[in-house]
Amino acid sequence: MESLSLTDARAQLPQLLDRVAAGESFAITRHGANVAVLVAHDTWMKTKTHDVILQARELRRRIEAARGKPIDWSGPAADPAESDLLIEELRRSKGPYPDGREE
């Protein structure tokens, strides 16, 4: 991966984008330190997808490890008055669903 200063990257951006579209990637530096990588959108999306897959696998591993074990209820007990206030606040808001429906 070729490394470019921020100044050089600014001056050459149209040409760099053509080269990135052709499969190259570039490290962009500021004051000698790497601060960004210029890669094709498809490459970046594959990286993000890969990260999500790794996180999902870790979550699955943790769920499987916890399966069959008793739940640890030793945390602080909920105050019933506090619970009632939270429920009332939810009812007054748009609801717990992103689309705004209540239930």
PDB file of N, CA and C in Angstrom:
ATOM      1  N   MET A   1       0.860  -1.175   0.000  1.00  0.00           N
ATOM      2  CA  MET A   1       0.000   0.000   0.000  1.00  0.00           C
ATOM      3  C   MET A   1       0.901   1.232   0.000  1.00  0.00           C
ATOM      4  N   GLU A   2       0.667   2.076  -0.951  1.00  0.00           N
ATOM      5  CA  GLU A   2       1.436   3.312  -1.070  1.00  0.00           C
ATOM      6  C   GLU A   2       0.970   4.299  -0.005  1.00  0.00           C
ATOM      7  N   SER A   3       1.915   5.086   0.502  1.00  0.00           N
ATOM      8  CA  SER A   3       1.605   6.069   1.529  1.00  0.00           C
ATOM      9  C   SER A   3       1.770   7.462   0.940  1.00  0.00           C
ATOM     10  N   LEU A   4       0.812   8.339   1.228  1.00  0.00           N
ATOM     11  CA  LEU A   4       0.839   9.714   0.718  1.00  0.00           C
ATOM     12  C   LEU A   4       0.575  10.685   1.852  1.00  0.00           C
ATOM     13  N   SER A   5       1.202  11.853   1.756  1.00  0.00           N
ATOM     14  CA  SER A   5       0.878  12.901   2.724  1.00  0.00           C
ATOM     15  C   SER A   5      -0.499  13.453   2.387  1.00  0.00           C
ATOM     16  N   LEU A   6      -1.109  14.081   3.346  1.00  0.00           N
ATOM     17  CA  LEU A   6      -2.413  14.695   3.124  1.00  0.00           C
ATOM     18  C   LEU A   6      -2.344  15.737   2.007  1.00  0.00           C
ATOM     19  N   THR A   7      -1.271  16.502   1.983  1.00  0.00           N
ATOM     20  CA  THR A   7      -1.103  17.518   0.942  1.00  0.00           C
ATOM     21  C   THR A   7      -1.069  16.885  -0.443  1.00  0.00           C
ATOM     22  N   ASP A   8      -0.292  15.806  -0.593  1.00  0.00           N
ATOM     23  CA  ASP A   8      -0.215  15.116  -1.887  1.00  0.00           C
ATOM     24  C   ASP A   8      -1.551  14.485  -2.251  1.00  0.00           C
ATOM     25  N   ALA A   9      -2.226  13.907  -1.271  1.00  0.00           N
ATOM     26  CA  ALA A   9      -3.518  13.266  -1.538  1.00  0.00           C
ATOM     27  C   ALA A   9      -4.532  14.306  -2.018  1.00  0.00           C
ATOM     28  N   ARG A  10      -4.549  15.477  -1.393  1.00  0.00           N
ATOM     29  CA  ARG A  10      -5.460  16.540  -1.835  1.00  0.00           C
ATOM     30  C   ARG A  10      -5.183  16.936  -3.283  1.00  0.00           C
ATOM     31  N   ALA A  11      -3.923  17.090  -3.599  1.00  0.00           N
ATOM     32  CA  ALA A  11      -3.542  17.545  -4.937  1.00  0.00           C
ATOM     33  C   ALA A  11      -3.856  16.508  -6.009  1.00  0.00           C
ATOM     34  N   GLN A  12      -3.838  15.224  -5.637  1.00  0.00           N
ATOM     35  CA  GLN A  12      -3.998  14.143  -6.605  1.00  0.00           C
ATOM     36  C   GLN A  12      -5.320  13.387  -6.474  1.00  0.00           C
ATOM     37  N   LEU A  13      -6.274  13.908  -5.726  1.00  0.00           N
ATOM     38  CA  LEU A  13      -7.481  13.140  -5.409  1.00  0.00           C
ATOM     39  C   LEU A  13      -8.178  12.556  -6.637  1.00  0.00           C
ATOM     40  N   PRO A  14      -8.427  13.287  -7.702  1.00  0.00           N
ATOM     41  CA  PRO A  14      -9.109  12.662  -8.847  1.00  0.00           C
ATOM     42  C   PRO A  14      -8.349  11.452  -9.412  1.00  0.00           C
ATOM     43  N   GLN A  15      -7.019  11.587  -9.519  1.00  0.00           N
ATOM     44  CA  GLN A  15      -6.215  10.476 -10.019  1.00  0.00           C
ATOM     45  C   GLN A  15      -6.200   9.310  -9.026  1.00  0.00           C
ATOM     46  N   LEU A  16      -6.136   9.629  -7.740  1.00  0.00           N
ATOM     47  CA  LEU A  16      -6.151   8.575  -6.721  1.00  0.00           C
ATOM     48  C   LEU A  16      -7.461   7.796  -6.775  1.00  0.00           C
ATOM     49  N   LEU A  17      -8.569   8.494  -6.958  1.00  0.00           N
ATOM     50  CA  LEU A  17      -9.861   7.808  -7.040  1.00  0.00           C
ATOM     51  C   LEU A  17      -9.906   6.868  -8.241  1.00  0.00           C
ATOM     52  N   ASP A  18      -9.333   7.267  -9.352  1.00  0.00           N
ATOM     53  CA  ASP A  18      -9.262   6.370 -10.515  1.00  0.00           C
ATOM     54  C   ASP A  18      -8.442   5.132 -10.183  1.00  0.00           C
ATOM     55  N   ARG A  19      -7.327   5.323  -9.498  1.00  0.00           N
ATOM     56  CA  ARG A  19      -6.468   4.183  -9.136  1.00  0.00           C
ATOM     57  C   ARG A  19      -7.144   3.283  -8.100  1.00  0.00           C
ATOM     58  N   VAL A  20      -7.875   3.888  -7.164  1.00  0.00           N
ATOM     59  CA  VAL A  20      -8.615   3.106  -6.165  1.00  0.00           C
ATOM     60  C   VAL A  20      -9.686   2.274  -6.865  1.00  0.00           C
ATOM     61  N   ALA A  21     -10.369   2.871  -7.816  1.00  0.00           N
ATOM     62  CA  ALA A  21     -11.396   2.137  -8.570  1.00  0.00           C
ATOM     63  C   ALA A  21     -10.776   0.957  -9.323  1.00  0.00           C
ATOM     64  N   ALA A  22      -9.504   1.067  -9.660  1.00  0.00           N
ATOM     65  CA  ALA A  22      -8.799  -0.012 -10.357  1.00  0.00           C
ATOM     66  C   ALA A  22      -8.221  -1.047  -9.396  1.00  0.00           C
ATOM     67  N   GLY A  23      -8.415  -0.842  -8.076  1.00  0.00           N
ATOM     68  CA  GLY A  23      -7.993  -1.857  -7.110  1.00  0.00           C
ATOM     69  C   GLY A  23      -6.870  -1.478  -6.173  1.00  0.00           C
ATOM     70  N   GLU A  24      -6.288  -0.311  -6.340  1.00  0.00           N
ATOM     71  CA  GLU A  24      -5.209   0.096  -5.437  1.00  0.00           C
ATOM     72  C   GLU A  24      -5.778   0.685  -4.146  1.00  0.00           C
ATOM     73  N   SER A  25      -4.944   0.809  -3.147  1.00  0.00           N
ATOM     74  CA  SER A  25      -5.336   1.477  -1.906  1.00  0.00           C
ATOM     75  C   SER A  25      -4.159   2.307  -1.423  1.00  0.00           C
ATOM     76  N   PHE A  26      -4.450   3.321  -0.626  1.00  0.00           N
ATOM     77  CA  PHE A  26      -3.430   4.271  -0.198  1.00  0.00           C
ATOM     78  C   PHE A  26      -3.599   4.613   1.273  1.00  0.00           C
ATOM     79  N   ALA A  27      -2.472   4.710   1.961  1.00  0.00           N
ATOM     80  CA  ALA A  27      -2.460   5.227   3.330  1.00  0.00           C
ATOM     81  C   ALA A  27      -2.221   6.722   3.222  1.00  0.00           C
ATOM     82  N   ILE A  28      -2.986   7.496   3.961  1.00  0.00           N
ATOM     83  CA  ILE A  28      -2.823   8.946   3.967  1.00  0.00           C
ATOM     84  C   ILE A  28      -2.269   9.341   5.334  1.00  0.00           C
ATOM     85  N   THR A  29      -1.209  10.129   5.301  1.00  0.00           N
ATOM     86  CA  THR A  29      -0.534  10.513   6.538  1.00  0.00           C
ATOM     87  C   THR A  29      -0.686  12.005   6.799  1.00  0.00           C
ATOM     88  N   ARG A  30      -0.638  12.348   8.067  1.00  0.00           N
ATOM     89  CA  ARG A  30      -0.590  13.748   8.496  1.00  0.00           C
ATOM     90  C   ARG A  30       0.563  13.854   9.480  1.00  0.00           C
ATOM     91  N   HIS A  31       1.510  14.715   9.171  1.00  0.00           N
ATOM     92  CA  HIS A  31       2.709  14.887   9.995  1.00  0.00           C
ATOM     93  C   HIS A  31       3.419  13.552  10.213  1.00  0.00           C
ATOM     94  N   GLY A  32       3.420  12.711   9.172  1.00  0.00           N
ATOM     95  CA  GLY A  32       4.139  11.444   9.213  1.00  0.00           C
ATOM     96  C   GLY A  32       3.400  10.276   9.850  1.00  0.00           C
ATOM     97  N   ALA A  33       2.217  10.525  10.415  1.00  0.00           N
ATOM     98  CA  ALA A  33       1.453   9.455  11.069  1.00  0.00           C
ATOM     99  C   ALA A  33       0.264   9.053  10.199  1.00  0.00           C
ATOM    100  N   ASN A  34       0.024   7.753  10.077  1.00  0.00           N
ATOM    101  CA  ASN A  34      -1.124   7.276   9.318  1.00  0.00           C
ATOM    102  C   ASN A  34      -2.415   7.750   9.978  1.00  0.00           C
ATOM    103  N   VAL A  35      -3.306   8.365   9.182  1.00  0.00           N
ATOM    104  CA  VAL A  35      -4.582   8.834   9.715  1.00  0.00           C
ATOM    105  C   VAL A  35      -5.775   8.286   8.951  1.00  0.00           C
ATOM    106  N   ALA A  36      -5.544   7.778   7.730  1.00  0.00           N
ATOM    107  CA  ALA A  36      -6.668   7.277   6.937  1.00  0.00           C
ATOM    108  C   ALA A  36      -6.151   6.315   5.877  1.00  0.00           C
ATOM    109  N   VAL A  37      -7.100   5.533   5.369  1.00  0.00           N
ATOM    110  CA  VAL A  37      -6.799   4.638   4.258  1.00  0.00           C
ATOM    111  C   VAL A  37      -7.855   4.879   3.195  1.00  0.00           C
ATOM    112  N   LEU A  38      -7.404   5.052   1.970  1.00  0.00           N
ATOM    113  CA  LEU A  38      -8.300   5.257   0.837  1.00  0.00           C
ATOM    114  C   LEU A  38      -8.418   3.922   0.108  1.00  0.00           C
ATOM    115  N   VAL A  39      -9.614   3.329   0.199  1.00  0.00           N
ATOM    116  CA  VAL A  39      -9.857   2.027  -0.434  1.00  0.00           C
ATOM    117  C   VAL A  39     -11.165   2.091  -1.202  1.00  0.00           C
ATOM    118  N   ALA A  40     -11.363   1.140  -2.094  1.00  0.00           N
ATOM    119  CA  ALA A  40     -12.607   1.069  -2.847  1.00  0.00           C
ATOM    120  C   ALA A  40     -13.771   0.804  -1.905  1.00  0.00           C
ATOM    121  N   HIS A  41     -14.928   1.305  -2.256  1.00  0.00           N
ATOM    122  CA  HIS A  41     -16.122   1.129  -1.431  1.00  0.00           C
ATOM    123  C   HIS A  41     -16.413  -0.344  -1.183  1.00  0.00           C
ATOM    124  N   ASP A  42     -16.328  -1.185  -2.199  1.00  0.00           N
ATOM    125  CA  ASP A  42     -16.596  -2.616  -2.029  1.00  0.00           C
ATOM    126  C   ASP A  42     -15.637  -3.249  -1.025  1.00  0.00           C
ATOM    127  N   THR A  43     -14.387  -2.837  -1.066  1.00  0.00           N
ATOM    128  CA  THR A  43     -13.393  -3.351  -0.113  1.00  0.00           C
ATOM    129  C   THR A  43     -13.766  -2.950   1.303  1.00  0.00           C
ATOM    130  N   TRP A  44     -14.141  -1.690   1.477  1.00  0.00           N
ATOM    131  CA  TRP A  44     -14.526  -1.202   2.798  1.00  0.00           C
ATOM    132  C   TRP A  44     -15.753  -1.947   3.319  1.00  0.00           C
ATOM    133  N   MET A  45     -16.743  -2.167   2.448  1.00  0.00           N
ATOM    134  CA  MET A  45     -17.957  -2.869   2.863  1.00  0.00           C
ATOM    135  C   MET A  45     -17.651  -4.305   3.274  1.00  0.00           C
ATOM    136  N   LYS A  46     -16.756  -4.964   2.564  1.00  0.00           N
ATOM    137  CA  LYS A  46     -16.368  -6.329   2.938  1.00  0.00           C
ATOM    138  C   LYS A  46     -15.720  -6.331   4.317  1.00  0.00           C
ATOM    139  N   THR A  47     -14.912  -5.321   4.586  1.00  0.00           N
ATOM    140  CA  THR A  47     -14.265  -5.214   5.899  1.00  0.00           C
ATOM    141  C   THR A  47     -15.308  -5.014   6.991  1.00  0.00           C
ATOM    142  N   LYS A  48     -16.263  -4.111   6.770  1.00  0.00           N
ATOM    143  CA  LYS A  48     -17.303  -3.870   7.766  1.00  0.00           C
ATOM    144  C   LYS A  48     -18.142  -5.127   7.972  1.00  0.00           C
ATOM    145  N   THR A  49     -18.495  -5.797   6.873  1.00  0.00           N
ATOM    146  CA  THR A  49     -19.276  -7.033   6.977  1.00  0.00           C
ATOM    147  C   THR A  49     -18.501  -8.078   7.760  1.00  0.00           C
ATOM    148  N   HIS A  50     -17.209  -8.176   7.494  1.00  0.00           N
ATOM    149  CA  HIS A  50     -16.363  -9.137   8.203  1.00  0.00           C
ATOM    150  C   HIS A  50     -16.367  -8.837   9.704  1.00  0.00           C
ATOM    151  N   ASP A  51     -16.269  -7.561  10.069  1.00  0.00           N
ATOM    152  CA  ASP A  51     -16.297  -7.180  11.487  1.00  0.00           C
ATOM    153  C   ASP A  51     -17.605  -7.603  12.143  1.00  0.00           C
ATOM    154  N   VAL A  52     -18.717  -7.394  11.456  1.00  0.00           N
ATOM    155  CA  VAL A  52     -20.025  -7.760  12.004  1.00  0.00           C
ATOM    156  C   VAL A  52     -20.119  -9.270  12.174  1.00  0.00           C
ATOM    157  N   ILE A  53     -19.617 -10.008  11.205  1.00  0.00           N
ATOM    158  CA  ILE A  53     -19.633 -11.470  11.301  1.00  0.00           C
ATOM    159  C   ILE A  53     -18.813 -11.932  12.504  1.00  0.00           C
ATOM    160  N   LEU A  54     -17.642 -11.345  12.709  1.00  0.00           N
ATOM    161  CA  LEU A  54     -16.823 -11.708  13.873  1.00  0.00           C
ATOM    162  C   LEU A  54     -17.550 -11.401  15.183  1.00  0.00           C
ATOM    163  N   GLN A  55     -18.226 -10.248  15.246  1.00  0.00           N
ATOM    164  CA  GLN A  55     -18.975  -9.898  16.450  1.00  0.00           C
ATOM    165  C   GLN A  55     -20.124 -10.869  16.677  1.00  0.00           C
ATOM    166  N   ALA A  56     -20.801 -11.268  15.604  1.00  0.00           N
ATOM    167  CA  ALA A  56     -21.908 -12.213  15.732  1.00  0.00           C
ATOM    168  C   ALA A  56     -21.400 -13.569  16.214  1.00  0.00           C
ATOM    169  N   ARG A  57     -20.269 -13.993  15.704  1.00  0.00           N
ATOM    170  CA  ARG A  57     -19.688 -15.274  16.147  1.00  0.00           C
ATOM    171  C   ARG A  57     -19.322 -15.238  17.623  1.00  0.00           C
ATOM    172  N   GLU A  58     -18.763 -14.106  18.066  1.00  0.00           N
ATOM    173  CA  GLU A  58     -18.412 -13.966  19.476  1.00  0.00           C
ATOM    174  C   GLU A  58     -19.668 -13.979  20.344  1.00  0.00           C
ATOM    175  N   LEU A  59     -20.708 -13.293  19.906  1.00  0.00           N
ATOM    176  CA  LEU A  59     -21.969 -13.308  20.644  1.00  0.00           C
ATOM    177  C   LEU A  59     -22.533 -14.716  20.721  1.00  0.00           C
ATOM    178  N   ARG A  60     -22.501 -15.442  19.620  1.00  0.00           N
ATOM    179  CA  ARG A  60     -22.990 -16.828  19.612  1.00  0.00           C
ATOM    180  C   ARG A  60     -22.192 -17.694  20.578  1.00  0.00           C
ATOM    181  N   ARG A  61     -20.852 -17.496  20.586  1.00  0.00           N
ATOM    182  CA  ARG A  61     -20.005 -18.266  21.493  1.00  0.00           C
ATOM    183  C   ARG A  61     -20.379 -17.985  22.941  1.00  0.00           C
ATOM    184  N   ARG A  62     -20.625 -16.708  23.264  1.00  0.00           N
ATOM    185  CA  ARG A  62     -20.998 -16.345  24.626  1.00  0.00           C
ATOM    186  C   ARG A  62     -22.365 -16.900  25.005  1.00  0.00           C
ATOM    187  N   ILE A  63     -23.297 -16.880  24.074  1.00  0.00           N
ATOM    188  CA  ILE A  63     -24.630 -17.434  24.344  1.00  0.00           C
ATOM    189  C   ILE A  63     -24.537 -18.927  24.583  1.00  0.00           C
ATOM    190  N   GLU A  64     -23.776 -19.611  23.738  1.00  0.00           N
ATOM    191  CA  GLU A  64     -23.619 -21.063  23.901  1.00  0.00           C
ATOM    192  C   GLU A  64     -22.935 -21.390  25.223  1.00  0.00           C
ATOM    193  N   ALA A  65     -21.953 -20.596  25.615  1.00  0.00           N
ATOM    194  CA  ALA A  65     -21.260 -20.834  26.885  1.00  0.00           C
ATOM    195  C   ALA A  65     -22.189 -20.627  28.069  1.00  0.00           C
ATOM    196  N   ALA A  66     -23.145 -19.707  27.932  1.00  0.00           N
ATOM    197  CA  ALA A  66     -24.066 -19.407  29.026  1.00  0.00           C
ATOM    198  C   ALA A  66     -25.268 -20.345  29.046  1.00  0.00           C
ATOM    199  N   ARG A  67     -25.527 -21.027  27.944  1.00  0.00           N
ATOM    200  CA  ARG A  67     -26.698 -21.899  27.858  1.00  0.00           C
ATOM    201  C   ARG A  67     -26.672 -22.952  28.969  1.00  0.00           C
ATOM    202  N   GLY A  68     -27.756 -23.079  29.671  1.00  0.00           N
ATOM    203  CA  GLY A  68     -27.871 -24.086  30.723  1.00  0.00           C
ATOM    204  C   GLY A  68     -27.360 -23.632  32.076  1.00  0.00           C
ATOM    205  N   LYS A  69     -26.677 -22.489  32.113  1.00  0.00           N
ATOM    206  CA  LYS A  69     -26.189 -21.983  33.394  1.00  0.00           C
ATOM    207  C   LYS A  69     -27.291 -21.155  34.034  1.00  0.00           C
ATOM    208  N   PRO A  70     -27.387 -21.171  35.345  1.00  0.00           N
ATOM    209  CA  PRO A  70     -28.411 -20.355  36.004  1.00  0.00           C
ATOM    210  C   PRO A  70     -28.121 -18.865  35.831  1.00  0.00           C
ATOM    211  N   ILE A  71     -29.167 -18.079  35.789  1.00  0.00           N
ATOM    212  CA  ILE A  71     -29.026 -16.628  35.671  1.00  0.00           C
ATOM    213  C   ILE A  71     -28.585 -16.064  37.016  1.00  0.00           C
ATOM    214  N   ASP A  72     -27.615 -15.163  36.956  1.00  0.00           N
ATOM    215  CA  ASP A  72     -27.116 -14.518  38.163  1.00  0.00           C
ATOM    216  C   ASP A  72     -28.008 -13.324  38.480  1.00  0.00           C
ATOM    217  N   TRP A  73     -28.836 -13.450  39.497  1.00  0.00           N
ATOM    218  CA  TRP A  73     -29.764 -12.393  39.891  1.00  0.00           C
ATOM    219  C   TRP A  73     -29.200 -11.556  41.032  1.00  0.00           C
ATOM    220  N   SER A  74     -27.898 -11.590  41.236  1.00  0.00           N
ATOM    221  CA  SER A  74     -27.310 -10.917  42.394  1.00  0.00           C
ATOM    222  C   SER A  74     -27.157  -9.412  42.210  1.00  0.00           C
ATOM    223  N   GLY A  75     -27.519  -8.888  41.062  1.00  0.00           N
ATOM    224  CA  GLY A  75     -27.419  -7.449  40.819  1.00  0.00           C
ATOM    225  C   GLY A  75     -28.389  -6.694  41.702  1.00  0.00           C
ATOM    226  N   PRO A  76     -28.317  -5.373  41.656  1.00  0.00           N
ATOM    227  CA  PRO A  76     -29.213  -4.578  42.495  1.00  0.00           C
ATOM    228  C   PRO A  76     -30.677  -4.787  42.089  1.00  0.00           C
ATOM    229  N   ALA A  77     -31.540  -4.891  43.076  1.00  0.00           N
ATOM    230  CA  ALA A  77     -32.962  -5.090  42.816  1.00  0.00           C
ATOM    231  C   ALA A  77     -33.575  -3.787  42.320  1.00  0.00           C
ATOM    232  N   ALA A  78     -34.515  -3.911  41.394  1.00  0.00           N
ATOM    233  CA  ALA A  78     -35.197  -2.725  40.867  1.00  0.00           C
ATOM    234  C   ALA A  78     -36.168  -2.197  41.908  1.00  0.00           C
ATOM    235  N   ASP A  79     -36.190  -0.895  42.052  1.00  0.00           N
ATOM    236  CA  ASP A  79     -37.129  -0.232  42.940  1.00  0.00           C
ATOM    237  C   ASP A  79     -38.482  -0.171  42.217  1.00  0.00           C
ATOM    238  N   PRO A  80     -39.557  -0.751  42.794  1.00  0.00           N
ATOM    239  CA  PRO A  80     -40.851  -0.739  42.110  1.00  0.00           C
ATOM    240  C   PRO A  80     -41.326   0.658  41.721  1.00  0.00           C
ATOM    241  N   ALA A  81     -41.074   1.656  42.547  1.00  0.00           N
ATOM    242  CA  ALA A  81     -41.495   3.024  42.223  1.00  0.00           C
ATOM    243  C   ALA A  81     -40.731   3.529  41.005  1.00  0.00           C
ATOM    244  N   GLU A  82     -39.458   3.224  40.944  1.00  0.00           N
ATOM    245  CA  GLU A  82     -38.640   3.624  39.791  1.00  0.00           C
ATOM    246  C   GLU A  82     -39.130   2.913  38.540  1.00  0.00           C
ATOM    247  N   SER A  83     -39.463   1.646  38.656  1.00  0.00           N
ATOM    248  CA  SER A  83     -39.983   0.893  37.516  1.00  0.00           C
ATOM    249  C   SER A  83     -41.271   1.510  37.002  1.00  0.00           C
ATOM    250  N   ASP A  84     -42.169   1.887  37.899  1.00  0.00           N
ATOM    251  CA  ASP A  84     -43.425   2.508  37.485  1.00  0.00           C
ATOM    252  C   ASP A  84     -43.181   3.823  36.748  1.00  0.00           C
ATOM    253  N   LEU A  85     -42.222   4.613  37.227  1.00  0.00           N
ATOM    254  CA  LEU A  85     -41.896   5.867  36.563  1.00  0.00           C
ATOM    255  C   LEU A  85     -41.348   5.632  35.157  1.00  0.00           C
ATOM    256  N   LEU A  86     -40.488   4.640  35.016  1.00  0.00           N
ATOM    257  CA  LEU A  86     -39.931   4.325  33.704  1.00  0.00           C
ATOM    258  C   LEU A  86     -41.013   3.845  32.743  1.00  0.00           C
ATOM    259  N   ILE A  87     -41.916   3.026  33.219  1.00  0.00           N
ATOM    260  CA  ILE A  87     -43.010   2.533  32.369  1.00  0.00           C
ATOM    261  C   ILE A  87     -43.886   3.696  31.931  1.00  0.00           C
ATOM    262  N   GLU A  88     -44.196   4.591  32.842  1.00  0.00           N
ATOM    263  CA  GLU A  88     -45.021   5.748  32.505  1.00  0.00           C
ATOM    264  C   GLU A  88     -44.318   6.640  31.484  1.00  0.00           C
ATOM    265  N   GLU A  89     -43.033   6.819  31.647  1.00  0.00           N
ATOM    266  CA  GLU A  89     -42.264   7.629  30.702  1.00  0.00           C
ATOM    267  C   GLU A  89     -42.291   6.998  29.310  1.00  0.00           C
ATOM    268  N   LEU A  90     -42.154   5.695  29.231  1.00  0.00           N
ATOM    269  CA  LEU A  90     -42.239   4.997  27.945  1.00  0.00           C
ATOM    270  C   LEU A  90     -43.605   5.174  27.310  1.00  0.00           C
ATOM    271  N   ARG A  91     -44.639   5.108  28.107  1.00  0.00           N
ATOM    272  CA  ARG A  91     -45.995   5.268  27.583  1.00  0.00           C
ATOM    273  C   ARG A  91     -46.216   6.677  27.035  1.00  0.00           C
ATOM    274  N   ARG A  92     -45.614   7.682  27.675  1.00  0.00           N
ATOM    275  CA  ARG A  92     -45.768   9.062  27.214  1.00  0.00           C
ATOM    276  C   ARG A  92     -44.936   9.340  25.964  1.00  0.00           C
ATOM    277  N   SER A  93     -43.860   8.590  25.793  1.00  0.00           N
ATOM    278  CA  SER A  93     -42.992   8.799  24.626  1.00  0.00           C
ATOM    279  C   SER A  93     -43.608   8.145  23.402  1.00  0.00           C
ATOM    280  N   LYS A  94     -42.855   8.105  22.341  1.00  0.00           N
ATOM    281  CA  LYS A  94     -43.364   7.499  21.111  1.00  0.00           C
ATOM    282  C   LYS A  94     -43.464   5.982  21.222  1.00  0.00           C
ATOM    283  N   GLY A  95     -43.015   5.418  22.286  1.00  0.00           N
ATOM    284  CA  GLY A  95     -43.059   3.976  22.459  1.00  0.00           C
ATOM    285  C   GLY A  95     -41.678   3.370  22.251  1.00  0.00           C
ATOM    286  N   PRO A  96     -41.560   2.121  22.575  1.00  0.00           N
ATOM    287  CA  PRO A  96     -40.246   1.481  22.510  1.00  0.00           C
ATOM    288  C   PRO A  96     -39.816   1.089  21.099  1.00  0.00           C
ATOM    289  N   TYR A  97     -40.699   1.280  20.100  1.00  0.00           N
ATOM    290  CA  TYR A  97     -40.383   0.822  18.754  1.00  0.00           C
ATOM    291  C   TYR A  97     -39.881   1.968  17.893  1.00  0.00           C
ATOM    292  N   PRO A  98     -38.867   1.714  17.050  1.00  0.00           N
ATOM    293  CA  PRO A  98     -38.313   2.776  16.205  1.00  0.00           C
ATOM    294  C   PRO A  98     -39.343   3.394  15.258  1.00  0.00           C
ATOM    295  N   ASP A  99     -40.343   2.638  14.860  1.00  0.00           N
ATOM    296  CA  ASP A  99     -41.326   3.175  13.913  1.00  0.00           C
ATOM    297  C   ASP A  99     -42.412   3.991  14.618  1.00  0.00           C
ATOM    298  N   GLY A 100     -42.348   4.125  15.949  1.00  0.00           N
ATOM    299  CA  GLY A 100     -43.268   4.964  16.699  1.00  0.00           C
ATOM    300  C   GLY A 100     -44.508   4.263  17.212  1.00  0.00           C
ATOM    301  N   ARG A 101     -44.726   2.994  16.844  1.00  0.00           N
ATOM    302  CA  ARG A 101     -45.920   2.316  17.337  1.00  0.00           C
ATOM    303  C   ARG A 101     -45.770   2.032  18.823  1.00  0.00           C
ATOM    304  N   GLU A 102     -46.891   1.958  19.483  1.00  0.00           N
ATOM    305  CA  GLU A 102     -46.879   1.764  20.932  1.00  0.00           C
ATOM    306  C   GLU A 102     -46.639   0.303  21.303  1.00  0.00           C
ATOM    307  N   GLU A 103     -47.456  -0.571  20.812  1.00  0.00           N
ATOM    308  CA  GLU A 103     -47.305  -1.997  21.120  1.00  0.00           C
ATOM    309  C   GLU A 103     -47.919  -2.823  20.042  1.00  0.00           C
TER     310      GLU A 103
END
